[in-house]
């Protein structure tokens, strides 16, 4: 006798078996190949900083790590090198003044626990990065500015000094002849040091310090002291820092964006490229020729990425088992 229920059951099982067989025979989808920086490798300790001249900064940071210092100690030590260099016209002592002849400094720092400190429009203090660290460690605030930042620095033992060197003054006086402001940053006129580090414990910290764009409007603040713009760190994911025209970085919160893209699975290189592409897509048609923004990023594994709007951005890298390198970054435009 024909058993309808048994027939349907057997037919269904057969269909499932055939379907399963077909699925099993299909080639599995390959995961997309992720783009990595050709100079990147896994491993830490690692120190990375914007611009080739800052190999001295990565050296100082590396020695701090070798001597048992934390990532936070390392980025502060590294940032202090260009801050004290009278020949570096973009950071600290020797930095180019604003259009009124005043050297005004901005800096920020961030540790593995998400704590952050920042100073803006600080004058007469050679090491704003150290003041920013004290803001983080000694106050309930993140940012102090202007006279308030100076008062705080003096109360904590810092000394004021004239940061306008003779060479910087002469360059400013020559600039006054034309009074033309061109907010660009490139290999010959680099600005800012952004520095990131991972210590032997795998903890991440970052710092950023600058005298800002040469001959800026008095009172102008760029991205460098702004957490999430000039620099950002998340100890679960990685860190990022920026250099170049700060207004563009602020408008897109570039460093925060890069860390969040890495959180979502991008490599540091992919994240740097995406953050750069967003600037180009939104503002590219309005930007003067040669306008520069450059990004650096590291992830928790010690891999790094670097990218910029136009060719000319470079960086310093010191990583476990390697040398203190100076490297060129790829760019959207040659």
C-alpha atoms as a PDB file:
ATOM      1  CA  UNK A   1       0.000   0.000   0.000  1.00  0.00           C
ATOM      2  CA  UNK A   2       1.242   3.487  -0.873  1.00  0.00           C
ATOM      3  CA  UNK A   3       2.272   5.387   2.289  1.00  0.00           C
ATOM      4  CA  UNK A   4       2.037   9.103   1.488  1.00  0.00           C
ATOM      5  CA  UNK A   5       3.640  10.270   4.716  1.00  0.00           C
ATOM      6  CA  UNK A   6       6.610   7.919   4.271  1.00  0.00           C
ATOM      7  CA  UNK A   7       7.032   9.048   0.656  1.00  0.00           C
ATOM      8  CA  UNK A   8       7.122  12.744   1.598  1.00  0.00           C
ATOM      9  CA  UNK A   9       9.572  12.088   4.414  1.00  0.00           C
ATOM     10  CA  UNK A  10      11.952  10.115   2.189  1.00  0.00           C
ATOM     11  CA  UNK A  11      11.666  12.681  -0.588  1.00  0.00           C
ATOM     12  CA  UNK A  12      12.448  15.507   1.813  1.00  0.00           C
ATOM     13  CA  UNK A  13      15.461  13.709   3.244  1.00  0.00           C
ATOM     14  CA  UNK A  14      16.714  13.006  -0.254  1.00  0.00           C
ATOM     15  CA  UNK A  15      16.385  16.645  -1.229  1.00  0.00           C
ATOM     16  CA  UNK A  16      18.291  17.725   1.869  1.00  0.00           C
ATOM     17  CA  UNK A  17      21.027  15.200   1.131  1.00  0.00           C
ATOM     18  CA  UNK A  18      21.359  16.305  -2.470  1.00  0.00           C
ATOM     19  CA  UNK A  19      21.307  19.972  -1.450  1.00  0.00           C
ATOM     20  CA  UNK A  20      23.882  19.345   1.201  1.00  0.00           C
ATOM     21  CA  UNK A  21      26.032  17.535  -1.288  1.00  0.00           C
ATOM     22  CA  UNK A  22      25.806  20.404  -3.715  1.00  0.00           C
ATOM     23  CA  UNK A  23      26.754  22.899  -1.034  1.00  0.00           C
ATOM     24  CA  UNK A  24      29.654  20.728   0.080  1.00  0.00           C
ATOM     25  CA  UNK A  25      30.950  20.567  -3.487  1.00  0.00           C
ATOM     26  CA  UNK A  26      30.914  24.333  -3.936  1.00  0.00           C
ATOM     27  CA  UNK A  27      34.237  26.074  -3.341  1.00  0.00           C
ATOM     28  CA  UNK A  28      34.253  28.002  -0.077  1.00  0.00           C
ATOM     29  CA  UNK A  29      34.446  31.785  -0.272  1.00  0.00           C
ATOM     30  CA  UNK A  30      37.894  33.157   0.409  1.00  0.00           C
ATOM     31  CA  UNK A  31      38.268  35.912   2.944  1.00  0.00           C
ATOM     32  CA  UNK A  32      39.300  39.174   1.272  1.00  0.00           C
ATOM     33  CA  UNK A  33      43.017  39.856   1.355  1.00  0.00           C
ATOM     34  CA  UNK A  34      43.665  42.811   3.647  1.00  0.00           C
ATOM     35  CA  UNK A  35      46.078  45.524   2.585  1.00  0.00           C
ATOM     36  CA  UNK A  36      49.109  46.009   4.803  1.00  0.00           C
ATOM     37  CA  UNK A  37      51.937  48.499   4.800  1.00  0.00           C
ATOM     38  CA  UNK A  38      54.940  46.840   3.096  1.00  0.00           C
ATOM     39  CA  UNK A  39      57.176  47.906   5.990  1.00  0.00           C
ATOM     40  CA  UNK A  40      54.799  46.619   8.655  1.00  0.00           C
ATOM     41  CA  UNK A  41      55.293  43.574  10.845  1.00  0.00           C
ATOM     42  CA  UNK A  42      53.864  42.278  14.085  1.00  0.00           C
ATOM     43  CA  UNK A  43      55.706  42.733  17.343  1.00  0.00           C
ATOM     44  CA  UNK A  44      56.418  45.181  20.137  1.00  0.00           C
ATOM     45  CA  UNK A  45      57.884  47.260  21.672  1.00  0.00           C
ATOM     46  CA  UNK A  46      57.389  49.725  18.833  1.00  0.00           C
ATOM     47  CA  UNK A  47      57.715  53.483  18.462  1.00  0.00           C
ATOM     48  CA  UNK A  48      56.510  55.412  15.415  1.00  0.00           C
ATOM     49  CA  UNK A  49      56.559  59.163  14.765  1.00  0.00           C
ATOM     50  CA  UNK A  50      55.645  61.565  11.996  1.00  0.00           C
ATOM     51  CA  UNK A  51      58.458  62.870   9.756  1.00  0.00           C
ATOM     52  CA  UNK A  52      61.919  61.478   9.086  1.00  0.00           C
ATOM     53  CA  UNK A  53      63.874  64.038  11.156  1.00  0.00           C
ATOM     54  CA  UNK A  54      62.207  62.568  14.233  1.00  0.00           C
ATOM     55  CA  UNK A  55      64.440  59.489  14.276  1.00  0.00           C
ATOM     56  CA  UNK A  56      66.063  61.285  17.222  1.00  0.00           C
ATOM     57  CA  UNK A  57      62.685  61.275  18.929  1.00  0.00           C
ATOM     58  CA  UNK A  58      62.057  57.588  18.268  1.00  0.00           C
ATOM     59  CA  UNK A  59      65.560  56.849  19.562  1.00  0.00           C
ATOM     60  CA  UNK A  60      64.837  58.660  22.831  1.00  0.00           C
ATOM     61  CA  UNK A  61      61.492  56.908  23.163  1.00  0.00           C
ATOM     62  CA  UNK A  62      63.065  53.531  22.442  1.00  0.00           C
ATOM     63  CA  UNK A  63      65.748  54.031  25.072  1.00  0.00           C
ATOM     64  CA  UNK A  64      63.032  54.890  27.568  1.00  0.00           C
ATOM     65  CA  UNK A  65      61.305  51.585  26.810  1.00  0.00           C
ATOM     66  CA  UNK A  66      64.583  49.674  26.992  1.00  0.00           C
ATOM     67  CA  UNK A  67      65.194  51.160  30.433  1.00  0.00           C
ATOM     68  CA  UNK A  68      61.851  49.871  31.693  1.00  0.00           C
ATOM     69  CA  UNK A  69      59.715  52.920  30.993  1.00  0.00           C
ATOM     70  CA  UNK A  70      56.082  52.717  29.990  1.00  0.00           C
ATOM     71  CA  UNK A  71      54.644  53.653  26.623  1.00  0.00           C
ATOM     72  CA  UNK A  72      53.490  56.898  28.230  1.00  0.00           C
ATOM     73  CA  UNK A  73      57.013  57.694  29.422  1.00  0.00           C
ATOM     74  CA  UNK A  74      58.318  56.879  25.955  1.00  0.00           C
ATOM     75  CA  UNK A  75      56.034  59.171  23.964  1.00  0.00           C
ATOM     76  CA  UNK A  76      56.712  62.046  26.354  1.00  0.00           C
ATOM     77  CA  UNK A  77      60.479  61.522  26.079  1.00  0.00           C
ATOM     78  CA  UNK A  78      60.240  61.335  22.300  1.00  0.00           C
ATOM     79  CA  UNK A  79      58.101  64.454  21.966  1.00  0.00           C
ATOM     80  CA  UNK A  80      60.494  66.458  24.132  1.00  0.00           C
ATOM     81  CA  UNK A  81      63.324  66.003  21.617  1.00  0.00           C
ATOM     82  CA  UNK A  82      61.954  68.271  18.858  1.00  0.00           C
ATOM     83  CA  UNK A  83      60.404  70.562  21.483  1.00  0.00           C
ATOM     84  CA  UNK A  84      63.937  71.406  22.653  1.00  0.00           C
ATOM     85  CA  UNK A  85      65.522  71.596  19.180  1.00  0.00           C
ATOM     86  CA  UNK A  86      66.031  75.209  18.032  1.00  0.00           C
ATOM     87  CA  UNK A  87      66.477  73.995  14.461  1.00  0.00           C
ATOM     88  CA  UNK A  88      63.017  72.426  14.327  1.00  0.00           C
ATOM     89  CA  UNK A  89      60.801  75.256  13.116  1.00  0.00           C
ATOM     90  CA  UNK A  90      57.532  73.417  13.718  1.00  0.00           C
ATOM     91  CA  UNK A  91      57.709  72.343  17.357  1.00  0.00           C
ATOM     92  CA  UNK A  92      58.561  74.093  20.609  1.00  0.00           C
ATOM     93  CA  UNK A  93      61.769  76.131  20.948  1.00  0.00           C
ATOM     94  CA  UNK A  94      62.626  77.493  17.515  1.00  0.00           C
ATOM     95  CA  UNK A  95      59.093  77.032  16.237  1.00  0.00           C
ATOM     96  CA  UNK A  96      57.815  79.567  13.722  1.00  0.00           C
ATOM     97  CA  UNK A  97      55.730  82.325  15.339  1.00  0.00           C
ATOM     98  CA  UNK A  98      52.222  83.417  14.431  1.00  0.00           C
ATOM     99  CA  UNK A  99      51.728  86.456  12.204  1.00  0.00           C
ATOM    100  CA  UNK A 100      52.081  88.752  15.228  1.00  0.00           C
ATOM    101  CA  UNK A 101      55.459  87.270  16.168  1.00  0.00           C
ATOM    102  CA  UNK A 102      54.382  85.079  19.093  1.00  0.00           C
ATOM    103  CA  UNK A 103      55.402  81.412  19.456  1.00  0.00           C
ATOM    104  CA  UNK A 104      52.291  79.618  20.705  1.00  0.00           C
ATOM    105  CA  UNK A 105      52.365  75.915  21.498  1.00  0.00           C
ATOM    106  CA  UNK A 106      49.807  73.096  21.585  1.00  0.00           C
ATOM    107  CA  UNK A 107      50.194  69.513  22.826  1.00  0.00           C
ATOM    108  CA  UNK A 108      48.267  66.470  23.997  1.00  0.00           C
ATOM    109  CA  UNK A 109      49.021  63.083  25.496  1.00  0.00           C
ATOM    110  CA  UNK A 110      46.957  59.936  26.165  1.00  0.00           C
ATOM    111  CA  UNK A 111      47.639  56.786  28.164  1.00  0.00           C
ATOM    112  CA  UNK A 112      46.595  53.138  28.107  1.00  0.00           C
ATOM    113  CA  UNK A 113      43.630  53.749  30.421  1.00  0.00           C
ATOM    114  CA  UNK A 114      42.044  56.374  28.208  1.00  0.00           C
ATOM    115  CA  UNK A 115      43.216  59.283  30.350  1.00  0.00           C
ATOM    116  CA  UNK A 116      44.219  62.388  28.410  1.00  0.00           C
ATOM    117  CA  UNK A 117      45.756  65.807  28.940  1.00  0.00           C
ATOM    118  CA  UNK A 118      46.112  68.784  26.634  1.00  0.00           C
ATOM    119  CA  UNK A 119      47.352  72.380  26.516  1.00  0.00           C
ATOM    120  CA  UNK A 120      46.634  75.008  23.882  1.00  0.00           C
ATOM    121  CA  UNK A 121      47.938  78.498  23.151  1.00  0.00           C
ATOM    122  CA  UNK A 122      50.720  78.033  25.697  1.00  0.00           C
ATOM    123  CA  UNK A 123      53.561  80.568  25.525  1.00  0.00           C
ATOM    124  CA  UNK A 124      57.035  80.629  27.037  1.00  0.00           C
ATOM    125  CA  UNK A 125      57.204  76.968  28.111  1.00  0.00           C
ATOM    126  CA  UNK A 126      59.648  74.763  26.213  1.00  0.00           C
ATOM    127  CA  UNK A 127      57.964  71.427  26.935  1.00  0.00           C
ATOM    128  CA  UNK A 128      54.188  71.690  26.543  1.00  0.00           C
ATOM    129  CA  UNK A 129      53.952  67.895  26.302  1.00  0.00           C
ATOM    130  CA  UNK A 130      55.061  67.598  29.928  1.00  0.00           C
ATOM    131  CA  UNK A 131      52.526  70.219  30.984  1.00  0.00           C
ATOM    132  CA  UNK A 132      49.836  68.246  29.146  1.00  0.00           C
ATOM    133  CA  UNK A 133      50.836  65.119  31.054  1.00  0.00           C
ATOM    134  CA  UNK A 134      50.462  66.952  34.347  1.00  0.00           C
ATOM    135  CA  UNK A 135      47.032  68.222  33.296  1.00  0.00           C
ATOM    136  CA  UNK A 136      46.112  64.570  32.803  1.00  0.00           C
ATOM    137  CA  UNK A 137      47.626  63.348  36.053  1.00  0.00           C
ATOM    138  CA  UNK A 138      46.974  66.244  38.450  1.00  0.00           C
ATOM    139  CA  UNK A 139      43.636  67.738  37.402  1.00  0.00           C
ATOM    140  CA  UNK A 140      40.105  66.483  36.688  1.00  0.00           C
ATOM    141  CA  UNK A 141      40.282  68.242  33.307  1.00  0.00           C
ATOM    142  CA  UNK A 142      41.535  67.320  29.850  1.00  0.00           C
ATOM    143  CA  UNK A 143      42.469  70.721  28.405  1.00  0.00           C
ATOM    144  CA  UNK A 144      43.924  73.970  29.727  1.00  0.00           C
ATOM    145  CA  UNK A 145      44.514  76.972  27.502  1.00  0.00           C
ATOM    146  CA  UNK A 146      46.406  80.244  27.293  1.00  0.00           C
ATOM    147  CA  UNK A 147      47.082  82.083  30.532  1.00  0.00           C
ATOM    148  CA  UNK A 148      45.431  79.307  32.527  1.00  0.00           C
ATOM    149  CA  UNK A 149      47.769  76.699  31.049  1.00  0.00           C
ATOM    150  CA  UNK A 150      50.746  78.975  31.738  1.00  0.00           C
ATOM    151  CA  UNK A 151      49.689  79.583  35.341  1.00  0.00           C
ATOM    152  CA  UNK A 152      49.313  75.828  35.860  1.00  0.00           C
ATOM    153  CA  UNK A 153      52.767  75.205  34.372  1.00  0.00           C
ATOM    154  CA  UNK A 154      54.405  77.801  36.613  1.00  0.00           C
ATOM    155  CA  UNK A 155      52.667  76.404  39.689  1.00  0.00           C
ATOM    156  CA  UNK A 156      54.170  73.034  38.855  1.00  0.00           C
ATOM    157  CA  UNK A 157      57.755  74.196  38.573  1.00  0.00           C
ATOM    158  CA  UNK A 158      58.143  75.044  34.885  1.00  0.00           C
ATOM    159  CA  UNK A 159      60.206  78.076  33.923  1.00  0.00           C
ATOM    160  CA  UNK A 160      59.352  80.621  31.248  1.00  0.00           C
ATOM    161  CA  UNK A 161      61.844  81.441  28.510  1.00  0.00           C
ATOM    162  CA  UNK A 162      61.917  83.194  25.146  1.00  0.00           C
ATOM    163  CA  UNK A 163      61.182  80.543  22.529  1.00  0.00           C
ATOM    164  CA  UNK A 164      61.569  82.822  19.487  1.00  0.00           C
ATOM    165  CA  UNK A 165      65.052  82.072  18.160  1.00  0.00           C
ATOM    166  CA  UNK A 166      66.990  84.557  16.057  1.00  0.00           C
ATOM    167  CA  UNK A 167      66.602  82.413  12.944  1.00  0.00           C
ATOM    168  CA  UNK A 168      62.843  82.095  13.431  1.00  0.00           C
ATOM    169  CA  UNK A 169      62.570  85.846  14.003  1.00  0.00           C
ATOM    170  CA  UNK A 170      64.480  86.643  10.798  1.00  0.00           C
ATOM    171  CA  UNK A 171      62.286  84.263   8.795  1.00  0.00           C
ATOM    172  CA  UNK A 172      59.155  85.894  10.248  1.00  0.00           C
ATOM    173  CA  UNK A 173      60.425  89.399   9.404  1.00  0.00           C
ATOM    174  CA  UNK A 174      61.089  88.295   5.838  1.00  0.00           C
ATOM    175  CA  UNK A 175      57.592  86.801   5.666  1.00  0.00           C
ATOM    176  CA  UNK A 176      56.135  90.156   6.752  1.00  0.00           C
ATOM    177  CA  UNK A 177      57.354  91.627   3.453  1.00  0.00           C
ATOM    178  CA  UNK A 178      54.713  89.617   1.574  1.00  0.00           C
ATOM    179  CA  UNK A 179      52.318  88.772   4.426  1.00  0.00           C
ATOM    180  CA  UNK A 180      51.035  85.778   2.430  1.00  0.00           C
ATOM    181  CA  UNK A 181      49.651  82.874   4.448  1.00  0.00           C
ATOM    182  CA  UNK A 182      49.938  79.441   2.828  1.00  0.00           C
ATOM    183  CA  UNK A 183      48.844  76.686   5.229  1.00  0.00           C
ATOM    184  CA  UNK A 184      50.726  73.780   3.677  1.00  0.00           C
ATOM    185  CA  UNK A 185      52.885  71.026   5.104  1.00  0.00           C
ATOM    186  CA  UNK A 186      55.373  68.933   3.154  1.00  0.00           C
ATOM    187  CA  UNK A 187      58.819  67.391   3.346  1.00  0.00           C
ATOM    188  CA  UNK A 188      60.491  70.812   3.467  1.00  0.00           C
ATOM    189  CA  UNK A 189      57.977  72.513   5.747  1.00  0.00           C
ATOM    190  CA  UNK A 190      56.802  69.729   8.010  1.00  0.00           C
ATOM    191  CA  UNK A 191      54.812  70.503  11.092  1.00  0.00           C
ATOM    192  CA  UNK A 192      54.032  68.665  14.313  1.00  0.00           C
ATOM    193  CA  UNK A 193      55.368  65.484  15.815  1.00  0.00           C
ATOM    194  CA  UNK A 194      52.801  62.815  16.470  1.00  0.00           C
ATOM    195  CA  UNK A 195      54.287  59.807  18.250  1.00  0.00           C
ATOM    196  CA  UNK A 196      52.819  56.419  19.240  1.00  0.00           C
ATOM    197  CA  UNK A 197      54.345  53.603  21.277  1.00  0.00           C
ATOM    198  CA  UNK A 198      53.607  50.104  22.531  1.00  0.00           C
ATOM    199  CA  UNK A 199      55.719  48.967  25.476  1.00  0.00           C
ATOM    200  CA  UNK A 200      56.862  45.499  26.518  1.00  0.00           C
ATOM    201  CA  UNK A 201      53.557  44.888  28.292  1.00  0.00           C
ATOM    202  CA  UNK A 202      51.593  45.576  25.117  1.00  0.00           C
ATOM    203  CA  UNK A 203      50.212  48.875  26.429  1.00  0.00           C
ATOM    204  CA  UNK A 204      49.732  51.807  24.055  1.00  0.00           C
ATOM    205  CA  UNK A 205      50.196  55.566  24.502  1.00  0.00           C
ATOM    206  CA  UNK A 206      50.370  58.562  22.188  1.00  0.00           C
ATOM    207  CA  UNK A 207      51.463  62.184  22.132  1.00  0.00           C
ATOM    208  CA  UNK A 208      51.348  65.139  19.783  1.00  0.00           C
ATOM    209  CA  UNK A 209      53.066  68.537  20.058  1.00  0.00           C
ATOM    210  CA  UNK A 210      53.459  71.527  17.743  1.00  0.00           C
ATOM    211  CA  UNK A 211      53.994  75.248  17.350  1.00  0.00           C
ATOM    212  CA  UNK A 212      51.319  75.162  14.668  1.00  0.00           C
ATOM    213  CA  UNK A 213      51.353  76.461  11.131  1.00  0.00           C
ATOM    214  CA  UNK A 214      53.884  79.194  10.510  1.00  0.00           C
ATOM    215  CA  UNK A 215      52.425  82.729  10.614  1.00  0.00           C
ATOM    216  CA  UNK A 216      48.937  81.588  11.584  1.00  0.00           C
ATOM    217  CA  UNK A 217      46.367  84.030  12.933  1.00  0.00           C
ATOM    218  CA  UNK A 218      47.075  84.882  16.570  1.00  0.00           C
ATOM    219  CA  UNK A 219      44.990  82.498  18.661  1.00  0.00           C
ATOM    220  CA  UNK A 220      44.614  79.787  16.006  1.00  0.00           C
ATOM    221  CA  UNK A 221      44.506  76.241  17.381  1.00  0.00           C
ATOM    222  CA  UNK A 222      44.991  73.252  15.128  1.00  0.00           C
ATOM    223  CA  UNK A 223      44.267  69.574  15.541  1.00  0.00           C
ATOM    224  CA  UNK A 224      47.379  68.662  17.542  1.00  0.00           C
ATOM    225  CA  UNK A 225      46.029  69.213  21.084  1.00  0.00           C
ATOM    226  CA  UNK A 226      42.572  67.819  20.326  1.00  0.00           C
ATOM    227  CA  UNK A 227      41.957  64.256  21.478  1.00  0.00           C
ATOM    228  CA  UNK A 228      40.484  62.318  18.571  1.00  0.00           C
ATOM    229  CA  UNK A 229      41.814  64.716  15.949  1.00  0.00           C
ATOM    230  CA  UNK A 230      45.588  65.082  16.237  1.00  0.00           C
ATOM    231  CA  UNK A 231      45.977  61.871  18.246  1.00  0.00           C
ATOM    232  CA  UNK A 232      43.881  59.100  19.764  1.00  0.00           C
ATOM    233  CA  UNK A 233      44.617  55.853  21.606  1.00  0.00           C
ATOM    234  CA  UNK A 234      42.454  52.901  22.627  1.00  0.00           C
ATOM    235  CA  UNK A 235      44.442  50.221  24.412  1.00  0.00           C
ATOM    236  CA  UNK A 236      42.119  47.469  23.166  1.00  0.00           C
ATOM    237  CA  UNK A 237      42.582  48.433  19.527  1.00  0.00           C
ATOM    238  CA  UNK A 238      45.505  50.727  18.679  1.00  0.00           C
ATOM    239  CA  UNK A 239      46.388  54.359  18.156  1.00  0.00           C
ATOM    240  CA  UNK A 240      46.654  56.994  15.459  1.00  0.00           C
ATOM    241  CA  UNK A 241      48.131  60.457  14.979  1.00  0.00           C
ATOM    242  CA  UNK A 242      48.015  63.151  12.329  1.00  0.00           C
ATOM    243  CA  UNK A 243      50.103  65.881  10.753  1.00  0.00           C
ATOM    244  CA  UNK A 244      49.453  68.537   8.145  1.00  0.00           C
ATOM    245  CA  UNK A 245      46.630  71.041   7.810  1.00  0.00           C
ATOM    246  CA  UNK A 246      44.891  70.645  11.150  1.00  0.00           C
ATOM    247  CA  UNK A 247      41.584  72.166  10.104  1.00  0.00           C
ATOM    248  CA  UNK A 248      40.963  69.191   7.815  1.00  0.00           C
ATOM    249  CA  UNK A 249      41.840  66.708  10.546  1.00  0.00           C
ATOM    250  CA  UNK A 250      39.545  68.448  13.030  1.00  0.00           C
ATOM    251  CA  UNK A 251      36.617  68.440  10.609  1.00  0.00           C
ATOM    252  CA  UNK A 252      36.873  64.669  10.180  1.00  0.00           C
ATOM    253  CA  UNK A 253      38.239  63.605  13.607  1.00  0.00           C
ATOM    254  CA  UNK A 254      40.822  61.630  11.687  1.00  0.00           C
ATOM    255  CA  UNK A 255      42.676  59.868  14.483  1.00  0.00           C
ATOM    256  CA  UNK A 256      39.516  58.717  16.225  1.00  0.00           C
ATOM    257  CA  UNK A 257      38.123  57.569  12.889  1.00  0.00           C
ATOM    258  CA  UNK A 258      41.210  55.468  12.171  1.00  0.00           C
ATOM    259  CA  UNK A 259      41.058  53.711  15.536  1.00  0.00           C
ATOM    260  CA  UNK A 260      37.369  52.968  15.060  1.00  0.00           C
ATOM    261  CA  UNK A 261      38.017  51.576  11.572  1.00  0.00           C
ATOM    262  CA  UNK A 262      40.659  49.283  13.054  1.00  0.00           C
ATOM    263  CA  UNK A 263      38.156  48.232  15.698  1.00  0.00           C
ATOM    264  CA  UNK A 264      35.863  47.177  12.865  1.00  0.00           C
ATOM    265  CA  UNK A 265      38.582  44.988  11.346  1.00  0.00           C
ATOM    266  CA  UNK A 266      40.630  47.183   9.034  1.00  0.00           C
ATOM    267  CA  UNK A 267      44.411  47.010   9.070  1.00  0.00           C
ATOM    268  CA  UNK A 268      46.263  50.171  10.130  1.00  0.00           C
ATOM    269  CA  UNK A 269      47.134  50.813   6.491  1.00  0.00           C
ATOM    270  CA  UNK A 270      43.551  50.438   5.308  1.00  0.00           C
ATOM    271  CA  UNK A 271      42.314  52.707   8.082  1.00  0.00           C
ATOM    272  CA  UNK A 272      44.837  55.445   7.262  1.00  0.00           C
ATOM    273  CA  UNK A 273      43.888  55.274   3.593  1.00  0.00           C
ATOM    274  CA  UNK A 274      40.165  55.450   4.337  1.00  0.00           C
ATOM    275  CA  UNK A 275      40.555  58.475   6.633  1.00  0.00           C
ATOM    276  CA  UNK A 276      42.616  60.230   3.965  1.00  0.00           C
ATOM    277  CA  UNK A 277      40.120  59.351   1.244  1.00  0.00           C
ATOM    278  CA  UNK A 278      37.282  60.881   3.265  1.00  0.00           C
ATOM    279  CA  UNK A 279      39.096  64.222   3.361  1.00  0.00           C
ATOM    280  CA  UNK A 280      39.723  64.075  -0.371  1.00  0.00           C
ATOM    281  CA  UNK A 281      36.118  63.128  -1.123  1.00  0.00           C
ATOM    282  CA  UNK A 282      34.602  65.864   1.028  1.00  0.00           C
ATOM    283  CA  UNK A 283      37.047  68.725   0.532  1.00  0.00           C
ATOM    284  CA  UNK A 284      39.289  67.756  -2.380  1.00  0.00           C
ATOM    285  CA  UNK A 285      37.833  70.174  -4.941  1.00  0.00           C
ATOM    286  CA  UNK A 286      38.295  73.134  -2.616  1.00  0.00           C
ATOM    287  CA  UNK A 287      41.848  72.461  -1.426  1.00  0.00           C
ATOM    288  CA  UNK A 288      44.825  74.501  -2.673  1.00  0.00           C
ATOM    289  CA  UNK A 289      47.391  72.517  -4.642  1.00  0.00           C
ATOM    290  CA  UNK A 290      49.803  70.689  -2.350  1.00  0.00           C
ATOM    291  CA  UNK A 291      47.607  70.727   0.758  1.00  0.00           C
ATOM    292  CA  UNK A 292      48.864  67.958   2.988  1.00  0.00           C
ATOM    293  CA  UNK A 293      47.469  65.679   5.682  1.00  0.00           C
ATOM    294  CA  UNK A 294      49.341  62.577   6.801  1.00  0.00           C
ATOM    295  CA  UNK A 295      48.303  59.787   9.163  1.00  0.00           C
ATOM    296  CA  UNK A 296      50.113  57.113  11.157  1.00  0.00           C
ATOM    297  CA  UNK A 297      48.487  54.201  12.959  1.00  0.00           C
ATOM    298  CA  UNK A 298      49.437  51.126  14.966  1.00  0.00           C
ATOM    299  CA  UNK A 299      47.268  48.245  16.089  1.00  0.00           C
ATOM    300  CA  UNK A 300      47.490  46.056  19.167  1.00  0.00           C
ATOM    301  CA  UNK A 301      49.719  43.536  17.353  1.00  0.00           C
ATOM    302  CA  UNK A 302      52.325  46.185  16.528  1.00  0.00           C
ATOM    303  CA  UNK A 303      51.445  46.459  12.852  1.00  0.00           C
ATOM    304  CA  UNK A 304      51.501  49.977  11.434  1.00  0.00           C
ATOM    305  CA  UNK A 305      50.079  52.036   8.602  1.00  0.00           C
ATOM    306  CA  UNK A 306      50.974  55.369   6.977  1.00  0.00           C
ATOM    307  CA  UNK A 307      49.283  57.423   4.271  1.00  0.00           C
ATOM    308  CA  UNK A 308      48.837  61.018   3.103  1.00  0.00           C
ATOM    309  CA  UNK A 309      46.944  63.249   0.700  1.00  0.00           C
ATOM    310  CA  UNK A 310      49.985  64.094  -1.426  1.00  0.00           C
ATOM    311  CA  UNK A 311      53.416  62.581  -1.815  1.00  0.00           C
ATOM    312  CA  UNK A 312      56.040  63.835   0.611  1.00  0.00           C
ATOM    313  CA  UNK A 313      54.868  62.516   3.971  1.00  0.00           C
ATOM    314  CA  UNK A 314      57.365  60.313   5.783  1.00  0.00           C
ATOM    315  CA  UNK A 315      57.887  58.856   9.215  1.00  0.00           C
ATOM    316  CA  UNK A 316      60.324  57.310  11.700  1.00  0.00           C
ATOM    317  CA  UNK A 317      59.938  53.750  12.982  1.00  0.00           C
ATOM    318  CA  UNK A 318      61.752  51.796  15.691  1.00  0.00           C
ATOM    319  CA  UNK A 319      60.472  48.282  16.325  1.00  0.00           C
ATOM    320  CA  UNK A 320      61.557  45.184  18.190  1.00  0.00           C
ATOM    321  CA  UNK A 321      64.292  43.335  16.330  1.00  0.00           C
ATOM    322  CA  UNK A 322      64.862  46.161  13.869  1.00  0.00           C
ATOM    323  CA  UNK A 323      66.667  49.426  13.249  1.00  0.00           C
ATOM    324  CA  UNK A 324      65.633  53.035  13.750  1.00  0.00           C
ATOM    325  CA  UNK A 325      64.210  53.606  10.270  1.00  0.00           C
ATOM    326  CA  UNK A 326      63.028  56.596   8.270  1.00  0.00           C
ATOM    327  CA  UNK A 327      60.413  55.643   5.685  1.00  0.00           C
ATOM    328  CA  UNK A 328      58.255  57.202   2.978  1.00  0.00           C
ATOM    329  CA  UNK A 329      54.484  56.876   3.043  1.00  0.00           C
ATOM    330  CA  UNK A 330      52.252  56.248   0.056  1.00  0.00           C
ATOM    331  CA  UNK A 331      49.818  58.981  -0.958  1.00  0.00           C
ATOM    332  CA  UNK A 332      46.627  59.617  -2.895  1.00  0.00           C
ATOM    333  CA  UNK A 333      48.441  62.008  -5.250  1.00  0.00           C
ATOM    334  CA  UNK A 334      52.026  61.950  -6.473  1.00  0.00           C
END
